[in-house]
Protein backbone atom coordinates (compact mmCIF):
# COMPACT_ATOMS: atom_id res chain seq x y z
CA UNK A 1 5.97 -9.82 -6.12
CA UNK A 2 7.54 -7.57 -3.43
CA UNK A 3 10.37 -7.33 -1.40
CA UNK A 4 9.02 -8.25 2.12
CA UNK A 5 10.64 -7.87 5.75
CA UNK A 6 7.43 -9.58 7.01
CA UNK A 7 6.53 -13.39 7.70
CA UNK A 8 9.24 -15.88 8.48
CA UNK A 9 11.50 -15.18 5.41
CA UNK A 10 14.90 -15.14 6.83
CA UNK A 11 16.80 -13.65 3.52
CA UNK A 12 16.17 -9.92 3.75
CA UNK A 13 14.42 -8.34 0.59
CA UNK A 14 13.44 -11.81 -0.83
CA UNK A 15 10.44 -11.37 -3.34
CA UNK A 16 7.56 -12.91 -2.20
CA UNK A 17 3.74 -12.92 -2.66
CA UNK A 18 2.23 -11.33 0.40
CA UNK A 19 -1.28 -12.84 -0.30
CA UNK A 20 -2.50 -15.83 -2.66
CA UNK A 21 -6.20 -14.78 -2.59
CA UNK A 22 -8.05 -11.69 -4.18
CA UNK A 23 -11.61 -10.47 -3.60
CA UNK A 24 -13.48 -10.20 -6.81
CA UNK A 25 -16.98 -8.98 -5.31
CA UNK A 26 -18.29 -8.45 -1.77
CA UNK A 27 -22.01 -8.91 -0.71
CA UNK A 28 -23.92 -8.12 2.31
CA UNK A 29 -25.32 -11.55 3.16
CA UNK A 30 -27.34 -10.31 6.07
CA UNK A 31 -29.81 -8.68 3.76
CA UNK A 32 -30.40 -11.76 1.80
CA UNK A 33 -32.40 -14.97 2.51
CA UNK A 34 -29.53 -17.35 2.03
CA UNK A 35 -31.67 -20.30 3.07
CA UNK A 36 -33.44 -19.73 -0.01
CA UNK A 37 -30.21 -20.07 -2.04
CA UNK A 38 -30.18 -23.15 -3.84
CA UNK A 39 -27.27 -25.58 -2.64
CA UNK A 40 -25.14 -25.41 -5.71
CA UNK A 41 -25.03 -21.69 -5.74
CA UNK A 42 -22.69 -19.75 -3.61
CA UNK A 43 -23.23 -18.59 0.31
CA UNK A 44 -26.25 -21.11 0.35
CA UNK A 45 -27.47 -20.94 4.12
CA UNK A 46 -24.70 -18.97 5.21
CA UNK A 47 -25.10 -17.26 8.63
CA UNK A 48 -22.13 -14.93 8.15
CA UNK A 49 -22.31 -11.19 7.52
CA UNK A 50 -20.34 -11.29 4.08
CA UNK A 51 -20.01 -13.12 1.10
CA UNK A 52 -16.89 -12.91 -1.15
CA UNK A 53 -16.25 -14.52 -4.53
CA UNK A 54 -12.11 -14.65 -4.20
CA UNK A 55 -9.54 -15.61 -6.98
CA UNK A 56 -7.03 -17.98 -5.53
CA UNK A 57 -3.63 -19.23 -7.12
CA UNK A 58 -3.47 -22.98 -6.83
CA UNK A 59 -1.32 -25.17 -8.73
CA UNK A 60 -0.41 -22.56 -11.26
CA UNK A 61 -4.08 -21.70 -11.98
CA UNK A 62 -6.50 -19.01 -10.94
CA UNK A 63 -9.62 -20.67 -9.34
CA UNK A 64 -12.75 -18.67 -8.28
CA UNK A 65 -14.41 -19.85 -4.82
CA UNK A 66 -16.78 -18.42 -2.59
CA UNK A 67 -16.06 -17.34 1.05
CA UNK A 68 -17.87 -16.15 4.10
CA UNK A 69 -16.65 -14.02 6.92
CA UNK A 70 -17.89 -12.18 9.93
CA UNK A 71 -15.82 -9.33 9.21
CA UNK A 72 -14.19 -7.29 6.14
CA UNK A 73 -11.47 -5.07 6.55
CA UNK A 74 -10.78 -2.64 3.77
CA UNK A 75 -6.99 -2.19 4.15
CA UNK A 76 -6.68 -0.01 1.04
CA UNK A 77 -6.42 3.67 -0.53
CA UNK A 78 -9.47 5.71 0.27
CA UNK A 79 -10.36 5.87 -3.50
CA UNK A 80 -10.52 2.03 -3.33
CA UNK A 81 -12.47 1.89 -0.32
CA UNK A 82 -14.70 4.30 -1.45
CA UNK A 83 -15.27 1.98 -4.84
CA UNK A 84 -15.56 -1.15 -2.70
CA UNK A 85 -18.21 0.28 -0.15
CA UNK A 86 -20.31 1.76 -3.00
CA UNK A 87 -20.33 -1.56 -4.70
CA UNK A 88 -21.46 -3.07 -1.36
CA UNK A 89 -24.23 -0.55 -1.05
CA UNK A 90 -25.60 -1.06 -4.53
CA UNK A 91 -26.34 -4.72 -3.39
CA UNK A 92 -28.34 -3.53 -0.44
CA UNK A 93 -32.08 -2.73 -0.99
CA UNK A 94 -33.63 0.32 0.45
CA UNK A 95 -35.65 -1.80 2.94
CA UNK A 96 -32.70 -2.60 4.84
CA UNK A 97 -32.24 1.32 6.03
CA UNK A 98 -34.09 2.61 8.58
CA UNK A 99 -34.26 6.29 7.33
CA UNK A 100 -32.78 7.86 10.42
CA UNK A 101 -28.98 7.04 9.74
CA UNK A 102 -29.26 3.89 11.80
CA UNK A 103 -29.84 1.42 9.05
CA UNK A 104 -27.67 -1.05 7.48
CA UNK A 105 -27.70 1.01 4.18
CA UNK A 106 -26.75 4.13 5.83
CA UNK A 107 -24.03 3.11 7.81
CA UNK A 108 -22.54 1.68 4.60
CA UNK A 109 -22.91 4.98 3.02
CA UNK A 110 -21.09 6.81 5.79
CA UNK A 111 -18.39 4.71 5.18
CA UNK A 112 -18.43 5.14 1.56
CA UNK A 113 -18.48 8.99 2.28
CA UNK A 114 -16.03 9.05 4.74
CA UNK A 115 -13.72 7.61 2.07
CA UNK A 116 -14.77 9.78 -0.69
CA UNK A 117 -14.13 12.89 1.05
CA UNK A 118 -10.26 12.16 1.80
CA UNK A 119 -8.38 14.19 -0.83
CA UNK A 120 -4.53 13.37 -1.44
CA UNK A 121 -1.48 14.61 -3.50
CA UNK A 122 0.67 12.85 -6.04
CA UNK A 123 3.93 11.51 -5.40
CA UNK A 124 6.73 10.49 -7.85
CA UNK A 125 8.98 7.98 -6.50
CA UNK A 126 12.51 6.84 -7.91
CA UNK A 127 14.71 4.11 -7.93
CA UNK A 128 18.06 4.49 -9.06
CA UNK A 129 20.92 2.02 -9.07
CA UNK A 130 24.71 2.43 -9.36
CA UNK A 131 27.23 -0.17 -10.13
CA UNK A 132 29.45 1.33 -7.45
CA UNK A 133 28.75 2.88 -4.17
CA UNK A 134 28.16 6.66 -4.06
CA UNK A 135 30.39 6.91 -0.78
CA UNK A 136 28.26 9.41 0.80
CA UNK A 137 28.72 10.24 4.33
CA UNK A 138 24.79 9.44 4.97
CA UNK A 139 22.28 6.73 4.45
CA UNK A 140 19.54 9.06 4.15
CA UNK A 141 18.39 12.70 4.03
CA UNK A 142 14.77 14.28 5.10
CA UNK A 143 14.45 17.62 3.41
CA UNK A 144 12.15 20.27 4.68
CA UNK A 145 10.17 22.70 3.09
CA UNK A 146 9.94 24.52 0.50
CA UNK A 147 11.67 21.60 -1.15
CA UNK A 148 13.23 23.88 -3.61
CA UNK A 149 15.08 20.86 -5.40
CA UNK A 150 11.67 19.00 -5.64
CA UNK A 151 13.04 16.31 -3.66
CA UNK A 152 11.27 15.50 -0.52
CA UNK A 153 13.64 12.77 1.00
CA UNK A 154 15.95 10.03 -0.25
CA UNK A 155 17.66 7.04 1.28
CA UNK A 156 20.14 4.35 0.34
CA UNK A 157 17.99 1.36 0.13
CA UNK A 158 21.12 -1.03 0.32
CA UNK A 159 21.56 0.07 3.84
CA UNK A 160 18.77 -1.61 5.37
CA UNK A 161 19.23 -4.01 8.17
CA UNK A 162 20.82 -7.44 7.63
CA UNK A 163 22.36 -6.12 4.11
CA UNK A 164 26.21 -6.55 3.85
CA UNK A 165 28.22 -3.18 3.42
CA UNK A 166 30.08 -2.77 0.05
CA UNK A 167 33.35 -4.66 0.35
CA UNK A 168 31.95 -6.99 3.39
CA UNK A 169 30.15 -9.30 1.75
CA UNK A 170 27.91 -9.48 -1.24
CA UNK A 171 26.65 -5.99 -0.76
CA UNK A 172 24.11 -4.96 -3.28
CA UNK A 173 23.82 -8.40 -4.76
CA UNK A 174 21.82 -9.56 -1.57
CA UNK A 175 20.48 -5.89 -0.74
CA UNK A 176 16.98 -6.81 -2.10
CA UNK A 177 18.21 -5.84 -5.74
CA UNK A 178 19.49 -9.29 -6.58
CA UNK A 179 16.27 -10.33 -8.48
CA UNK A 180 16.26 -6.96 -10.07
CA UNK A 181 19.80 -6.76 -11.61
CA UNK A 182 18.36 -9.02 -14.30
CA UNK A 183 16.30 -6.03 -15.55
CA UNK A 184 19.35 -3.85 -15.19
CA UNK A 185 21.29 -6.28 -17.54
CA UNK A 186 24.54 -6.03 -15.70
CA UNK A 187 26.33 -8.08 -13.38
CA UNK A 188 27.75 -6.52 -10.33
CA UNK A 189 31.21 -6.79 -8.87
CA UNK A 190 31.05 -8.54 -5.79
CA UNK A 191 30.37 -6.28 -2.53
CA UNK A 192 29.73 -3.31 -4.98
CA UNK A 193 26.52 -1.13 -6.16
CA UNK A 194 23.86 0.58 -4.45
CA UNK A 195 20.46 1.51 -4.76
CA UNK A 196 18.59 4.72 -3.87
CA UNK A 197 15.17 5.49 -3.26
CA UNK A 198 14.15 9.12 -3.91
CA UNK A 199 10.82 10.42 -3.53
CA UNK A 200 9.58 13.83 -4.94
CA UNK A 201 7.61 16.27 -2.81
CA UNK A 202 3.94 16.91 -3.21
CA UNK A 203 4.43 20.23 -5.10
CA UNK A 204 6.72 18.79 -7.52
CA UNK A 205 4.67 15.64 -8.12
CA UNK A 206 1.14 17.42 -8.73
CA UNK A 207 2.84 19.78 -11.25
CA UNK A 208 4.19 16.70 -12.91
CA UNK A 209 1.48 14.35 -12.40
CA UNK A 210 0.66 14.07 -16.45
CA UNK A 211 4.52 13.61 -17.52
CA UNK A 212 5.77 10.13 -18.56
CA UNK A 213 7.65 8.00 -16.03
CA UNK A 214 10.64 8.20 -18.29
CA UNK A 215 10.67 12.24 -18.20
CA UNK A 216 9.96 12.44 -14.26
CA UNK A 217 12.83 9.82 -13.59
CA UNK A 218 15.19 11.79 -15.52
CA UNK A 219 14.43 15.04 -13.93
CA UNK A 220 14.40 13.74 -10.40
CA UNK A 221 17.50 11.63 -10.93
CA UNK A 222 19.22 14.87 -12.02
CA UNK A 223 17.91 16.90 -9.07
CA UNK A 224 19.23 13.79 -6.69
CA UNK A 225 22.49 13.76 -8.14
CA UNK A 226 22.97 17.53 -7.68
CA UNK A 227 21.67 17.44 -4.10
CA UNK A 228 24.32 15.00 -3.08
CA UNK A 229 27.10 16.71 -5.03
CA UNK A 230 27.28 14.17 -7.98
CA UNK A 231 26.72 14.45 -11.76
CA UNK A 232 25.95 11.96 -14.33
CA UNK A 233 28.94 12.66 -16.19
CA UNK A 234 31.03 11.36 -13.41
CA UNK A 235 28.49 8.77 -12.02
CA UNK A 236 26.46 6.97 -14.23
CA UNK A 237 23.19 5.40 -13.06
CA UNK A 238 22.71 1.61 -14.17
CA UNK A 239 18.84 1.72 -13.73
CA UNK A 240 16.58 4.54 -13.35
CA UNK A 241 12.86 3.96 -12.80
CA UNK A 242 10.33 6.20 -11.64
CA UNK A 243 6.44 5.35 -10.69
CA UNK A 244 3.72 7.81 -9.40
CA UNK A 245 1.49 7.20 -6.31
CA UNK A 246 -1.79 8.80 -7.66
CA UNK A 247 -2.99 9.08 -3.86
CA UNK A 248 -0.13 9.94 -1.46
CA UNK A 249 -0.07 12.20 1.51
CA UNK A 250 -3.85 12.37 2.62
CA UNK A 251 -4.67 16.11 3.15
CA UNK A 252 -7.68 15.36 5.25
CA UNK A 253 -7.34 12.07 7.08
CA UNK A 254 -10.73 10.59 8.47
CA UNK A 255 -9.27 9.75 11.62
CA UNK A 256 -6.66 11.12 14.30
CA UNK A 257 -3.11 9.35 14.33
CA UNK A 258 -2.66 10.69 17.90
CA UNK A 259 -5.75 8.94 19.17
CA UNK A 260 -5.70 5.03 18.83
CA UNK A 261 -9.35 4.53 18.92
CA UNK A 262 -9.72 7.18 16.12
CA UNK A 263 -6.86 5.67 13.83
CA UNK A 264 -9.09 3.37 11.70
CA UNK A 265 -13.07 2.96 11.08
CA UNK A 266 -15.00 0.12 12.53
CA UNK A 267 -18.65 -0.44 12.74
CA UNK A 268 -19.05 -3.95 14.73
CA UNK A 269 -22.83 -4.13 13.73
CA UNK A 270 -21.90 -4.24 10.32
CA UNK A 271 -18.61 -6.32 10.62
CA UNK A 272 -16.99 -3.72 8.51
CA UNK A 273 -13.68 -1.82 9.02
CA UNK A 274 -11.08 0.12 7.19
CA UNK A 275 -7.64 1.28 7.83
CA UNK A 276 -4.52 2.93 6.14
CA UNK A 277 -3.04 6.41 6.03
CA UNK A 278 -6.39 7.86 4.93
CA UNK A 279 -7.87 7.10 8.35
CA UNK A 280 -4.81 8.03 10.07
CA UNK A 281 -2.03 10.23 8.80
CA UNK A 282 0.25 10.41 5.73
CA UNK A 283 3.42 8.41 6.53
CA UNK A 284 3.51 4.58 6.12
CA UNK A 285 4.04 4.51 9.95
CA UNK A 286 0.56 6.02 10.48
CA UNK A 287 -1.01 3.29 8.01
CA UNK A 288 0.81 0.59 9.94
CA UNK A 289 -0.54 1.96 13.49
CA UNK A 290 -3.81 2.03 11.63
CA UNK A 291 -4.06 -1.52 10.93
CA UNK A 292 -2.62 -2.96 14.28
CA UNK A 293 -5.34 -0.76 16.05
CA UNK A 294 -7.89 -2.07 13.86
CA UNK A 295 -6.81 -5.63 13.96
CA UNK A 296 -7.01 -5.20 17.88
CA UNK A 297 -10.23 -4.07 17.63
CA UNK A 298 -11.73 -6.82 15.37
CA UNK A 299 -10.09 -9.23 17.59
CA UNK A 300 -11.59 -7.71 20.59
CA UNK A 301 -15.09 -7.78 18.98
CA UNK A 302 -14.76 -11.36 17.87
CA UNK A 303 -13.75 -12.55 21.17
CA UNK A 304 -16.82 -10.87 22.48
CA UNK A 305 -19.17 -13.01 20.15
């Protein structure tokens, strides 16, 4: 589950599953004689481009079900997109390639190669919670290079829109952290508490890509508190946790965030597209814009069919 600001959820930060189905495998049905597939087998007689086997949560259980579609969109990181397209390619026989780069297999290979060429940095991300507000005069700071402290930016996660200020409601208890205070093992005073997110610079993260999460969390928390003029002797965190994003800040995106038509990859003939920061730019906003642009392109393509 993840705290979501999407959909019709009226409560900010309430955990919810953003999807109830997961693709287990993808097949290019266009390269198969689906009419010859027995009726009791998946994708029998399908005239769609793609066949998927999905895992679906229903009634507290996980079920496997076949699914067909005209378009498949890979909204993943570049390494995952490269693996998925390689898996698709492995199911396509050589006879479906024209040998001049225009064939079905060559187009899938081009998508796989584009994803495989993109390189990225590591990024350590810290979540640190306090039982009382830090009383800082700002809600976030974006640092500038050379990031001598190792911190790239930090922000008060409890200050997001719709979340009451400390002393003016339930504060951090409804600030997207209500479901995690059970992990912390403490009960907050009503209207008190803050949760901050701190992200390290690419250089700092790359140098520490092999350290343990506990060690990274301790060092990054110390750096954060020193930056804001606090210390752990006077301010005691009630929860400190660090995770590493192993493919963050793409160094050589496959697309161009300034050109809407190049923020994504899409081949209408294949019915295969890809979006994300690796096709557009290094920020979350770039990934979002990439997905929106690809969604518009897919909708236009399907409307013309």
